[in-house]
Amino acid sequence: MAIKSMSIRIEEEMLDKLHVIADYEGRSANGQILVLIRDLIENYEAKHGQIKTGKRD
């Protein structure tokens, strides 16, 4: 599986809070975001079934 990157716009205060939580959990901000995304996908798929994906750029 290829690793892709993307950038997001985020308010400074929200980013600062993300860093605090990530530090507490022993993760980088990027790692914390990946955990949140994985949890979101798992919860969605548990309720709605597996998401079918196609190629995106």
N, C-alpha and C. Protein backbone atom coordinates (compact mmCIF):
# COMPACT_ATOMS: atom_id res chain seq x y z
N MET A 1 0.84 -1.18 0.00
CA MET A 1 0.00 0.00 0.00
C MET A 1 0.89 1.24 0.00
N ALA A 2 0.62 2.14 -0.90
CA ALA A 2 1.41 3.37 -1.01
C ALA A 2 1.05 4.34 0.12
N ILE A 3 2.03 5.05 0.57
CA ILE A 3 1.81 6.10 1.57
C ILE A 3 1.68 7.42 0.83
N LYS A 4 0.60 8.11 1.06
CA LYS A 4 0.35 9.41 0.44
C LYS A 4 0.40 10.48 1.53
N SER A 5 0.59 11.70 1.10
CA SER A 5 0.55 12.80 2.07
C SER A 5 -0.52 13.79 1.65
N MET A 6 -1.01 14.52 2.63
CA MET A 6 -1.96 15.59 2.37
C MET A 6 -1.75 16.67 3.43
N SER A 7 -2.09 17.86 3.09
CA SER A 7 -1.97 18.94 4.07
C SER A 7 -3.38 19.39 4.45
N ILE A 8 -3.50 19.92 5.65
CA ILE A 8 -4.79 20.44 6.10
C ILE A 8 -4.58 21.84 6.67
N ARG A 9 -5.64 22.59 6.66
CA ARG A 9 -5.64 23.88 7.33
C ARG A 9 -6.26 23.67 8.70
N ILE A 10 -5.60 24.17 9.74
CA ILE A 10 -6.08 23.97 11.10
C ILE A 10 -5.76 25.20 11.93
N GLU A 11 -6.70 25.60 12.75
CA GLU A 11 -6.48 26.76 13.62
C GLU A 11 -5.34 26.46 14.59
N GLU A 12 -4.58 27.48 14.89
CA GLU A 12 -3.40 27.31 15.74
C GLU A 12 -3.76 26.71 17.10
N GLU A 13 -4.85 27.18 17.71
CA GLU A 13 -5.24 26.67 19.02
C GLU A 13 -5.58 25.19 18.96
N MET A 14 -6.28 24.78 17.90
CA MET A 14 -6.62 23.37 17.74
C MET A 14 -5.36 22.52 17.54
N LEU A 15 -4.42 23.02 16.76
CA LEU A 15 -3.16 22.31 16.55
C LEU A 15 -2.38 22.18 17.85
N ASP A 16 -2.34 23.26 18.63
CA ASP A 16 -1.65 23.21 19.93
C ASP A 16 -2.27 22.15 20.83
N LYS A 17 -3.60 22.08 20.85
CA LYS A 17 -4.29 21.09 21.68
C LYS A 17 -4.03 19.67 21.17
N LEU A 18 -3.99 19.52 19.86
CA LEU A 18 -3.66 18.22 19.28
C LEU A 18 -2.28 17.76 19.74
N HIS A 19 -1.31 18.67 19.74
CA HIS A 19 0.04 18.32 20.18
C HIS A 19 0.06 17.90 21.65
N VAL A 20 -0.73 18.55 22.48
CA VAL A 20 -0.79 18.18 23.90
C VAL A 20 -1.33 16.75 24.04
N ILE A 21 -2.41 16.46 23.34
CA ILE A 21 -3.01 15.12 23.42
C ILE A 21 -2.06 14.07 22.85
N ALA A 22 -1.45 14.37 21.72
CA ALA A 22 -0.51 13.43 21.11
C ALA A 22 0.66 13.15 22.03
N ASP A 23 1.21 14.19 22.64
CA ASP A 23 2.31 14.00 23.60
C ASP A 23 1.87 13.11 24.76
N TYR A 24 0.67 13.35 25.26
CA TYR A 24 0.14 12.56 26.37
C TYR A 24 0.02 11.09 25.98
N GLU A 25 -0.39 10.83 24.74
CA GLU A 25 -0.56 9.47 24.24
C GLU A 25 0.75 8.85 23.75
N GLY A 26 1.84 9.63 23.75
CA GLY A 26 3.13 9.12 23.30
C GLY A 26 3.23 9.02 21.79
N ARG A 27 2.53 9.90 21.09
CA ARG A 27 2.53 9.88 19.64
C ARG A 27 2.91 11.25 19.09
N SER A 28 3.28 11.25 17.82
CA SER A 28 3.43 12.52 17.11
C SER A 28 2.02 13.01 16.76
N ALA A 29 1.92 14.26 16.35
CA ALA A 29 0.62 14.78 15.92
C ALA A 29 0.12 13.97 14.72
N ASN A 30 1.01 13.64 13.79
CA ASN A 30 0.62 12.85 12.63
C ASN A 30 0.11 11.47 13.07
N GLY A 31 0.83 10.84 13.98
CA GLY A 31 0.40 9.53 14.48
C GLY A 31 -0.95 9.60 15.16
N GLN A 32 -1.19 10.66 15.91
CA GLN A 32 -2.47 10.83 16.60
C GLN A 32 -3.60 11.00 15.59
N ILE A 33 -3.37 11.77 14.54
CA ILE A 33 -4.38 11.95 13.50
C ILE A 33 -4.69 10.62 12.83
N LEU A 34 -3.66 9.82 12.55
CA LEU A 34 -3.89 8.51 11.92
C LEU A 34 -4.74 7.61 12.81
N VAL A 35 -4.49 7.62 14.12
CA VAL A 35 -5.30 6.84 15.05
C VAL A 35 -6.75 7.29 15.00
N LEU A 36 -6.97 8.60 15.00
CA LEU A 36 -8.33 9.12 14.94
C LEU A 36 -9.04 8.73 13.65
N ILE A 37 -8.32 8.81 12.54
CA ILE A 37 -8.90 8.44 11.25
C ILE A 37 -9.22 6.94 11.21
N ARG A 38 -8.30 6.11 11.69
CA ARG A 38 -8.56 4.66 11.72
C ARG A 38 -9.78 4.33 12.57
N ASP A 39 -9.89 4.97 13.74
CA ASP A 39 -11.05 4.75 14.61
C ASP A 39 -12.34 5.17 13.92
N LEU A 40 -12.32 6.30 13.24
CA LEU A 40 -13.49 6.80 12.53
C LEU A 40 -13.93 5.81 11.45
N ILE A 41 -12.97 5.31 10.68
CA ILE A 41 -13.27 4.35 9.61
C ILE A 41 -13.82 3.06 10.20
N GLU A 42 -13.19 2.54 11.25
CA GLU A 42 -13.68 1.31 11.88
C GLU A 42 -15.11 1.47 12.38
N ASN A 43 -15.41 2.58 13.02
CA ASN A 43 -16.76 2.83 13.54
C ASN A 43 -17.77 2.95 12.41
N TYR A 44 -17.40 3.65 11.35
CA TYR A 44 -18.29 3.81 10.20
C TYR A 44 -18.58 2.46 9.56
N GLU A 45 -17.52 1.66 9.34
CA GLU A 45 -17.70 0.37 8.69
C GLU A 45 -18.48 -0.60 9.58
N ALA A 46 -18.34 -0.51 10.88
CA ALA A 46 -19.11 -1.36 11.78
C ALA A 46 -20.60 -1.08 11.65
N LYS A 47 -20.93 0.17 11.40
CA LYS A 47 -22.33 0.57 11.30
C LYS A 47 -22.88 0.40 9.87
N HIS A 48 -22.05 0.70 8.85
CA HIS A 48 -22.54 0.77 7.48
C HIS A 48 -21.96 -0.28 6.53
N GLY A 49 -21.04 -1.08 6.99
CA GLY A 49 -20.40 -2.05 6.12
C GLY A 49 -19.12 -1.51 5.53
N GLN A 50 -18.36 -2.41 4.94
CA GLN A 50 -17.05 -2.05 4.40
C GLN A 50 -17.17 -0.98 3.31
N ILE A 51 -16.28 -0.02 3.37
CA ILE A 51 -16.24 1.05 2.39
C ILE A 51 -15.50 0.53 1.17
N LYS A 52 -16.11 0.64 0.03
CA LYS A 52 -15.46 0.28 -1.25
C LYS A 52 -14.68 1.49 -1.71
N THR A 53 -13.41 1.30 -2.04
CA THR A 53 -12.58 2.42 -2.46
C THR A 53 -12.17 2.25 -3.90
N GLY A 54 -11.92 3.38 -4.52
CA GLY A 54 -11.37 3.43 -5.85
C GLY A 54 -10.11 4.27 -5.79
N LYS A 55 -9.42 4.40 -6.88
CA LYS A 55 -8.20 5.20 -6.88
C LYS A 55 -8.54 6.67 -6.82
N ARG A 56 -7.78 7.39 -6.00
CA ARG A 56 -7.90 8.85 -5.86
C ARG A 56 -6.53 9.45 -6.06
N ASP A 57 -6.47 10.62 -6.59
CA ASP A 57 -5.21 11.34 -6.74
C ASP A 57 -4.97 12.26 -5.57
